[in-house]
Amino acid sequence: MSDVEFHHSVGMRTVLYLSPAVCTAALLAAQQSGLSLHEWMEHRISYVMADDEVAVERGLDALAPWSLACADLFARVANHAPEVLEGRWALLYERVRLEQSLWHQPTQSLDKDRDLLAEPYISKVRLRAAWPRLCAATFCL
C-alpha cells in the first residue's frame, strides 16, 4: 500500500492508504488533467462532498464513482433494474452479486394476507462499507 500525505498550513496532516492500483490511477489522472496529485485529490474530494445542486447542474459525471451518493444510486438501480447497468457498472454488479455478505436475506415467512414478504436485496449500509474496495477493484483496473 502507498501512503499519500497532504500537509496543510494549519498543522493538520491527512494520511490516505491507497493500493498500488489506486495510487497509479490517481497519479495518471492527475497528470492527464495537468494537476498535481494534491490538487487533483482536492478536486475529487470536493466533488464527492458537493451538494446535489452540482449533480443537477453538471450531471452525474460531476460525482466520482466512489462517492457514497453513487453507492446509494447504484444500490437502487441494482435492486430494481440490474439489467440496465452497462460496462464497468455491470461488472461492479457481478462483483456485488457474488459477495453474499452485501445482501440482506429477509426471513421468508407467510403472512395471512400476503405471499412471501420479500426477496434478497443489496444492503445499503453493507454496500457503503465495501464501496471503496469494490470501486477500486472495478474502476481502477
N, C-alpha and C. Protein backbone atom coordinates (compact mmCIF):
# COMPACT_ATOMS: atom_id res chain seq x y z
N MET A 1 0.83 -1.17 0.00
CA MET A 1 0.00 0.00 0.00
C MET A 1 0.88 1.24 0.00
N SER A 2 0.43 2.24 -0.68
CA SER A 2 1.15 3.51 -0.73
C SER A 2 0.52 4.49 0.24
N ASP A 3 1.33 5.34 0.81
CA ASP A 3 0.84 6.39 1.69
C ASP A 3 0.91 7.71 0.95
N VAL A 4 -0.17 8.45 0.95
CA VAL A 4 -0.19 9.78 0.37
C VAL A 4 -0.45 10.73 1.52
N GLU A 5 0.42 11.71 1.70
CA GLU A 5 0.26 12.65 2.79
C GLU A 5 0.07 14.05 2.23
N PHE A 6 -0.86 14.76 2.81
CA PHE A 6 -1.07 16.16 2.47
C PHE A 6 -0.78 16.97 3.73
N HIS A 7 0.10 17.93 3.64
CA HIS A 7 0.41 18.79 4.78
C HIS A 7 -0.29 20.12 4.57
N HIS A 8 -1.03 20.52 5.56
CA HIS A 8 -1.77 21.77 5.49
C HIS A 8 -1.06 22.81 6.35
N SER A 9 -1.23 24.06 6.00
CA SER A 9 -0.54 25.13 6.71
C SER A 9 -0.98 25.27 8.16
N VAL A 10 -2.15 24.77 8.52
CA VAL A 10 -2.63 24.89 9.89
C VAL A 10 -2.14 23.76 10.78
N GLY A 11 -1.26 22.93 10.28
CA GLY A 11 -0.68 21.87 11.08
C GLY A 11 -1.46 20.57 11.06
N MET A 12 -2.45 20.43 10.21
CA MET A 12 -3.21 19.20 10.11
C MET A 12 -2.56 18.30 9.07
N ARG A 13 -2.54 17.01 9.32
CA ARG A 13 -1.98 16.06 8.37
C ARG A 13 -3.02 14.98 8.10
N THR A 14 -3.21 14.68 6.83
CA THR A 14 -4.13 13.64 6.42
C THR A 14 -3.34 12.53 5.75
N VAL A 15 -3.57 11.31 6.15
CA VAL A 15 -2.89 10.16 5.55
C VAL A 15 -3.95 9.28 4.92
N LEU A 16 -3.78 8.98 3.64
CA LEU A 16 -4.66 8.08 2.93
C LEU A 16 -3.87 6.83 2.58
N TYR A 17 -4.44 5.68 2.84
CA TYR A 17 -3.79 4.43 2.47
C TYR A 17 -4.41 3.95 1.16
N LEU A 18 -3.60 3.91 0.11
CA LEU A 18 -4.07 3.55 -1.21
C LEU A 18 -3.36 2.29 -1.69
N SER A 19 -4.09 1.45 -2.39
CA SER A 19 -3.46 0.29 -3.01
C SER A 19 -2.59 0.79 -4.16
N PRO A 20 -1.63 0.02 -4.61
CA PRO A 20 -0.80 0.45 -5.74
C PRO A 20 -1.63 0.77 -6.99
N ALA A 21 -2.67 -0.01 -7.24
CA ALA A 21 -3.51 0.24 -8.42
C ALA A 21 -4.23 1.58 -8.31
N VAL A 22 -4.77 1.88 -7.15
CA VAL A 22 -5.48 3.15 -6.95
C VAL A 22 -4.51 4.31 -7.01
N CYS A 23 -3.35 4.15 -6.42
CA CYS A 23 -2.33 5.21 -6.43
C CYS A 23 -1.89 5.51 -7.88
N THR A 24 -1.66 4.47 -8.65
CA THR A 24 -1.26 4.63 -10.05
C THR A 24 -2.36 5.33 -10.85
N ALA A 25 -3.60 4.89 -10.64
CA ALA A 25 -4.72 5.51 -11.35
C ALA A 25 -4.85 6.98 -10.99
N ALA A 26 -4.67 7.31 -9.72
CA ALA A 26 -4.75 8.71 -9.28
C ALA A 26 -3.63 9.54 -9.89
N LEU A 27 -2.41 9.01 -9.89
CA LEU A 27 -1.29 9.74 -10.49
C LEU A 27 -1.51 9.98 -11.98
N LEU A 28 -1.97 8.96 -12.69
CA LEU A 28 -2.22 9.11 -14.12
C LEU A 28 -3.33 10.13 -14.39
N ALA A 29 -4.40 10.07 -13.62
CA ALA A 29 -5.50 11.01 -13.80
C ALA A 29 -5.04 12.44 -13.51
N ALA A 30 -4.23 12.61 -12.48
CA ALA A 30 -3.71 13.94 -12.14
C ALA A 30 -2.83 14.47 -13.27
N GLN A 31 -1.96 13.62 -13.79
CA GLN A 31 -1.08 14.05 -14.90
C GLN A 31 -1.90 14.40 -16.13
N GLN A 32 -2.90 13.59 -16.46
CA GLN A 32 -3.73 13.85 -17.64
C GLN A 32 -4.51 15.15 -17.51
N SER A 33 -4.88 15.52 -16.30
CA SER A 33 -5.63 16.76 -16.12
C SER A 33 -4.72 17.96 -15.90
N GLY A 34 -3.40 17.72 -15.85
CA GLY A 34 -2.46 18.82 -15.68
C GLY A 34 -2.40 19.38 -14.27
N LEU A 35 -2.78 18.56 -13.29
CA LEU A 35 -2.79 19.00 -11.90
C LEU A 35 -1.77 18.19 -11.10
N SER A 36 -1.36 18.76 -9.98
CA SER A 36 -0.55 17.97 -9.05
C SER A 36 -1.47 16.96 -8.38
N LEU A 37 -0.91 15.93 -7.79
CA LEU A 37 -1.72 14.92 -7.11
C LEU A 37 -2.55 15.58 -6.00
N HIS A 38 -1.93 16.50 -5.28
CA HIS A 38 -2.62 17.20 -4.21
C HIS A 38 -3.85 17.95 -4.75
N GLU A 39 -3.67 18.71 -5.83
CA GLU A 39 -4.79 19.46 -6.42
C GLU A 39 -5.87 18.53 -6.95
N TRP A 40 -5.45 17.45 -7.61
CA TRP A 40 -6.41 16.51 -8.18
C TRP A 40 -7.25 15.87 -7.08
N MET A 41 -6.60 15.46 -5.98
CA MET A 41 -7.33 14.86 -4.86
C MET A 41 -8.31 15.86 -4.26
N GLU A 42 -7.90 17.12 -4.13
CA GLU A 42 -8.81 18.14 -3.61
C GLU A 42 -10.03 18.28 -4.51
N HIS A 43 -9.83 18.27 -5.82
CA HIS A 43 -10.96 18.37 -6.75
C HIS A 43 -11.89 17.18 -6.60
N ARG A 44 -11.32 15.97 -6.53
CA ARG A 44 -12.15 14.77 -6.42
C ARG A 44 -12.93 14.77 -5.11
N ILE A 45 -12.28 15.15 -4.03
CA ILE A 45 -12.95 15.18 -2.74
C ILE A 45 -14.05 16.23 -2.72
N SER A 46 -13.79 17.37 -3.36
CA SER A 46 -14.83 18.41 -3.39
C SER A 46 -16.03 17.94 -4.18
N TYR A 47 -15.83 17.15 -5.24
CA TYR A 47 -16.97 16.60 -5.99
C TYR A 47 -17.78 15.65 -5.12
N VAL A 48 -17.08 14.83 -4.35
CA VAL A 48 -17.78 13.87 -3.50
C VAL A 48 -18.60 14.58 -2.45
N MET A 49 -18.08 15.67 -1.94
CA MET A 49 -18.76 16.39 -0.86
C MET A 49 -19.71 17.47 -1.37
N ALA A 50 -19.83 17.60 -2.68
CA ALA A 50 -20.65 18.67 -3.26
C ALA A 50 -22.13 18.44 -2.96
N ASP A 51 -22.86 19.54 -2.96
CA ASP A 51 -24.31 19.46 -2.79
C ASP A 51 -24.94 18.83 -4.02
N ASP A 52 -26.19 18.46 -3.89
CA ASP A 52 -26.92 17.88 -5.01
C ASP A 52 -27.01 18.85 -6.18
N GLU A 53 -26.93 20.15 -5.92
CA GLU A 53 -27.02 21.14 -7.00
C GLU A 53 -25.92 20.92 -8.03
N VAL A 54 -24.75 20.47 -7.58
CA VAL A 54 -23.66 20.20 -8.51
C VAL A 54 -24.04 19.07 -9.44
N ALA A 55 -24.62 18.01 -8.90
CA ALA A 55 -25.02 16.88 -9.72
C ALA A 55 -26.10 17.29 -10.72
N VAL A 56 -27.01 18.16 -10.27
CA VAL A 56 -28.06 18.63 -11.18
C VAL A 56 -27.47 19.53 -12.25
N GLU A 57 -26.59 20.44 -11.85
CA GLU A 57 -26.01 21.41 -12.77
C GLU A 57 -25.05 20.77 -13.77
N ARG A 58 -24.20 19.88 -13.30
CA ARG A 58 -23.16 19.30 -14.15
C ARG A 58 -23.40 17.86 -14.51
N GLY A 59 -24.45 17.24 -13.98
CA GLY A 59 -24.75 15.85 -14.28
C GLY A 59 -24.00 14.91 -13.36
N LEU A 60 -24.28 13.63 -13.51
CA LEU A 60 -23.65 12.64 -12.63
C LEU A 60 -22.16 12.53 -12.85
N ASP A 61 -21.63 13.03 -13.98
CA ASP A 61 -20.19 12.99 -14.20
C ASP A 61 -19.45 13.84 -13.17
N ALA A 62 -20.15 14.76 -12.53
CA ALA A 62 -19.51 15.61 -11.52
C ALA A 62 -19.24 14.84 -10.23
N LEU A 63 -19.88 13.69 -10.07
CA LEU A 63 -19.66 12.87 -8.88
C LEU A 63 -18.69 11.75 -9.22
N ALA A 64 -17.75 11.53 -8.35
CA ALA A 64 -16.81 10.43 -8.54
C ALA A 64 -17.55 9.11 -8.36
N PRO A 65 -17.18 8.07 -9.12
CA PRO A 65 -17.87 6.79 -8.98
C PRO A 65 -17.76 6.23 -7.56
N TRP A 66 -16.73 6.61 -6.83
CA TRP A 66 -16.54 6.06 -5.50
C TRP A 66 -17.24 6.87 -4.42
N SER A 67 -18.01 7.89 -4.79
CA SER A 67 -18.73 8.67 -3.79
C SER A 67 -19.88 7.85 -3.22
N LEU A 68 -20.27 8.16 -2.00
CA LEU A 68 -21.37 7.44 -1.37
C LEU A 68 -22.70 7.74 -2.05
N ALA A 69 -22.81 8.89 -2.68
CA ALA A 69 -24.02 9.19 -3.45
C ALA A 69 -24.16 8.20 -4.60
N CYS A 70 -23.05 7.87 -5.24
CA CYS A 70 -23.08 6.88 -6.31
C CYS A 70 -23.39 5.49 -5.76
N ALA A 71 -22.90 5.20 -4.57
CA ALA A 71 -23.20 3.90 -3.94
C ALA A 71 -24.69 3.76 -3.72
N ASP A 72 -25.32 4.82 -3.22
CA ASP A 72 -26.76 4.78 -2.98
C ASP A 72 -27.54 4.63 -4.29
N LEU A 73 -27.14 5.37 -5.31
CA LEU A 73 -27.80 5.27 -6.61
C LEU A 73 -27.61 3.87 -7.19
N PHE A 74 -26.39 3.36 -7.10
CA PHE A 74 -26.10 2.01 -7.60
C PHE A 74 -27.00 0.99 -6.91
N ALA A 75 -27.13 1.08 -5.59
CA ALA A 75 -27.95 0.12 -4.84
C ALA A 75 -29.40 0.15 -5.33
N ARG A 76 -29.92 1.34 -5.56
CA ARG A 76 -31.31 1.44 -6.04
C ARG A 76 -31.47 0.82 -7.41
N VAL A 77 -30.56 1.16 -8.33
CA VAL A 77 -30.65 0.62 -9.68
C VAL A 77 -30.46 -0.90 -9.65
N ALA A 78 -29.44 -1.36 -8.93
CA ALA A 78 -29.14 -2.79 -8.88
C ALA A 78 -30.27 -3.59 -8.25
N ASN A 79 -30.94 -3.02 -7.27
CA ASN A 79 -32.04 -3.73 -6.62
C ASN A 79 -33.29 -3.79 -7.48
N HIS A 80 -33.50 -2.78 -8.32
CA HIS A 80 -34.75 -2.70 -9.05
C HIS A 80 -34.64 -3.00 -10.55
N ALA A 81 -33.50 -2.70 -11.15
CA ALA A 81 -33.35 -2.91 -12.60
C ALA A 81 -31.89 -3.19 -12.96
N PRO A 82 -31.32 -4.28 -12.48
CA PRO A 82 -29.89 -4.54 -12.74
C PRO A 82 -29.57 -4.70 -14.22
N GLU A 83 -30.56 -5.04 -15.02
CA GLU A 83 -30.32 -5.24 -16.45
C GLU A 83 -29.94 -3.95 -17.18
N VAL A 84 -30.19 -2.79 -16.59
CA VAL A 84 -29.84 -1.53 -17.26
C VAL A 84 -28.39 -1.12 -17.02
N LEU A 85 -27.69 -1.80 -16.11
CA LEU A 85 -26.29 -1.48 -15.84
C LEU A 85 -25.43 -1.97 -17.00
N GLU A 86 -24.52 -1.10 -17.43
CA GLU A 86 -23.66 -1.43 -18.58
C GLU A 86 -22.20 -1.22 -18.23
N GLY A 87 -21.32 -1.84 -19.00
CA GLY A 87 -19.89 -1.62 -18.87
C GLY A 87 -19.37 -1.99 -17.49
N ARG A 88 -18.59 -1.08 -16.92
CA ARG A 88 -18.00 -1.34 -15.60
C ARG A 88 -19.05 -1.43 -14.51
N TRP A 89 -20.19 -0.73 -14.70
CA TRP A 89 -21.26 -0.81 -13.71
C TRP A 89 -21.83 -2.22 -13.68
N ALA A 90 -21.94 -2.88 -14.83
CA ALA A 90 -22.40 -4.27 -14.87
C ALA A 90 -21.39 -5.19 -14.20
N LEU A 91 -20.10 -4.92 -14.43
CA LEU A 91 -19.05 -5.69 -13.77
C LEU A 91 -19.13 -5.51 -12.25
N LEU A 92 -19.35 -4.28 -11.82
CA LEU A 92 -19.49 -4.00 -10.39
C LEU A 92 -20.68 -4.77 -9.82
N TYR A 93 -21.78 -4.80 -10.56
CA TYR A 93 -22.95 -5.55 -10.09
C TYR A 93 -22.62 -7.04 -9.95
N GLU A 94 -21.87 -7.59 -10.89
CA GLU A 94 -21.49 -9.01 -10.80
C GLU A 94 -20.64 -9.26 -9.57
N ARG A 95 -19.74 -8.34 -9.25
CA ARG A 95 -18.93 -8.48 -8.03
C ARG A 95 -19.83 -8.45 -6.79
N VAL A 96 -20.77 -7.52 -6.77
CA VAL A 96 -21.68 -7.40 -5.63
C VAL A 96 -22.58 -8.63 -5.54
N ARG A 97 -23.03 -9.11 -6.68
CA ARG A 97 -23.91 -10.28 -6.71
C ARG A 97 -23.24 -11.51 -6.11
N LEU A 98 -21.93 -11.63 -6.35
CA LEU A 98 -21.18 -12.78 -5.85
C LEU A 98 -20.79 -12.66 -4.38
N GLU A 99 -20.85 -11.46 -3.85
CA GLU A 99 -20.46 -11.23 -2.45
C GLU A 99 -21.71 -11.26 -1.57
N GLN A 100 -22.02 -12.43 -1.07
CA GLN A 100 -23.26 -12.64 -0.32
C GLN A 100 -23.37 -11.79 0.94
N SER A 101 -22.24 -11.39 1.52
CA SER A 101 -22.29 -10.58 2.74
C SER A 101 -22.90 -9.20 2.50
N LEU A 102 -23.01 -8.77 1.25
CA LEU A 102 -23.58 -7.46 0.93
C LEU A 102 -25.11 -7.51 0.79
N TRP A 103 -25.65 -8.70 0.81
CA TRP A 103 -27.08 -8.87 0.56
C TRP A 103 -27.84 -9.09 1.86
N HIS A 104 -29.01 -8.48 1.93
CA HIS A 104 -29.92 -8.73 3.05
C HIS A 104 -30.84 -9.87 2.62
N GLN A 105 -30.86 -10.91 3.42
CA GLN A 105 -31.70 -12.07 3.15
C GLN A 105 -32.88 -12.05 4.13
N PRO A 106 -34.00 -11.50 3.73
CA PRO A 106 -35.13 -11.44 4.66
C PRO A 106 -35.63 -12.84 5.00
N THR A 107 -36.16 -12.96 6.19
CA THR A 107 -36.74 -14.24 6.57
C THR A 107 -37.99 -14.44 5.74
N GLN A 108 -38.14 -15.60 5.21
CA GLN A 108 -39.27 -15.87 4.34
C GLN A 108 -40.38 -16.49 5.15
N SER A 109 -41.31 -15.65 5.54
CA SER A 109 -42.45 -16.15 6.30
C SER A 109 -43.73 -15.79 5.57
N LEU A 110 -44.74 -16.54 5.83
CA LEU A 110 -46.02 -16.28 5.18
C LEU A 110 -46.90 -15.44 6.09
N ASP A 111 -47.51 -14.46 5.49
CA ASP A 111 -48.49 -13.64 6.18
C ASP A 111 -49.87 -14.08 5.68
N LYS A 112 -50.88 -13.94 6.49
CA LYS A 112 -52.21 -14.38 6.08
C LYS A 112 -52.69 -13.68 4.81
N ASP A 113 -52.35 -12.39 4.70
CA ASP A 113 -52.86 -11.58 3.59
C ASP A 113 -51.88 -11.45 2.43
N ARG A 114 -50.67 -11.95 2.60
CA ARG A 114 -49.65 -11.74 1.56
C ARG A 114 -48.95 -13.05 1.23
N ASP A 115 -48.26 -13.04 0.09
CA ASP A 115 -47.40 -14.16 -0.26
C ASP A 115 -46.08 -13.98 0.50
N LEU A 116 -45.03 -14.55 -0.01
CA LEU A 116 -43.72 -14.35 0.62
C LEU A 116 -43.43 -12.86 0.71
N LEU A 117 -42.88 -12.42 1.84
CA LEU A 117 -42.77 -11.00 2.13
C LEU A 117 -41.76 -10.26 1.26
N ALA A 118 -40.57 -10.82 1.04
CA ALA A 118 -39.56 -10.05 0.31
C ALA A 118 -38.51 -10.96 -0.30
N GLU A 119 -37.83 -10.43 -1.29
CA GLU A 119 -36.71 -11.12 -1.93
C GLU A 119 -35.41 -10.52 -1.40
N PRO A 120 -34.28 -11.22 -1.57
CA PRO A 120 -33.00 -10.64 -1.15
C PRO A 120 -32.73 -9.32 -1.89
N TYR A 121 -32.09 -8.40 -1.19
CA TYR A 121 -31.73 -7.13 -1.80
C TYR A 121 -30.39 -6.67 -1.24
N ILE A 122 -29.74 -5.76 -1.97
CA ILE A 122 -28.44 -5.23 -1.55
C ILE A 122 -28.66 -4.32 -0.35
N SER A 123 -27.92 -4.60 0.70
CA SER A 123 -27.97 -3.76 1.91
C SER A 123 -27.17 -2.49 1.66
N LYS A 124 -27.83 -1.34 1.75
CA LYS A 124 -27.16 -0.07 1.50
C LYS A 124 -26.02 0.17 2.50
N VAL A 125 -26.24 -0.19 3.76
CA VAL A 125 -25.22 0.00 4.79
C VAL A 125 -23.99 -0.86 4.50
N ARG A 126 -24.20 -2.12 4.17
CA ARG A 126 -23.08 -3.02 3.87
C ARG A 126 -22.37 -2.61 2.59
N LEU A 127 -23.15 -2.17 1.58
CA LEU A 127 -22.56 -1.73 0.33
C LEU A 127 -21.68 -0.50 0.56
N ARG A 128 -22.16 0.47 1.33
CA ARG A 128 -21.37 1.67 1.62
C ARG A 128 -20.04 1.31 2.29
N ALA A 129 -20.06 0.33 3.19
CA ALA A 129 -18.83 -0.07 3.88
C ALA A 129 -17.83 -0.69 2.92
N ALA A 130 -18.31 -1.42 1.93
CA ALA A 130 -17.43 -2.10 0.97
C ALA A 130 -17.18 -1.28 -0.29
N TRP A 131 -17.85 -0.15 -0.44
CA TRP A 131 -17.82 0.63 -1.68
C TRP A 131 -16.42 1.02 -2.14
N PRO A 132 -15.55 1.56 -1.29
CA PRO A 132 -14.21 1.93 -1.78
C PRO A 132 -13.44 0.74 -2.36
N ARG A 133 -13.53 -0.40 -1.69
CA ARG A 133 -12.84 -1.61 -2.17
C ARG A 133 -13.43 -2.09 -3.49
N LEU A 134 -14.75 -2.09 -3.60
CA LEU A 134 -15.40 -2.55 -4.82
C LEU A 134 -15.09 -1.62 -6.00
N CYS A 135 -15.11 -0.31 -5.74
CA CYS A 135 -14.80 0.66 -6.81
C CYS A 135 -13.36 0.55 -7.25
N ALA A 136 -12.45 0.39 -6.30
CA ALA A 136 -11.04 0.26 -6.66
C ALA A 136 -10.82 -0.96 -7.54
N ALA A 137 -11.48 -2.06 -7.19
CA ALA A 137 -11.32 -3.29 -7.96
C ALA A 137 -11.97 -3.20 -9.34
N THR A 138 -12.99 -2.35 -9.47
CA THR A 138 -13.74 -2.27 -10.73
C THR A 138 -13.27 -1.13 -11.63
N PHE A 139 -13.08 0.05 -11.08
CA PHE A 139 -12.79 1.23 -11.89
C PHE A 139 -11.30 1.54 -12.02
N CYS A 140 -10.47 0.97 -11.16
CA CYS A 140 -9.03 1.30 -11.19
C CYS A 140 -8.22 0.11 -11.68
N LEU A 141 -8.71 -0.59 -12.67
CA LEU A 141 -8.00 -1.75 -13.23
C LEU A 141 -6.86 -1.31 -14.12
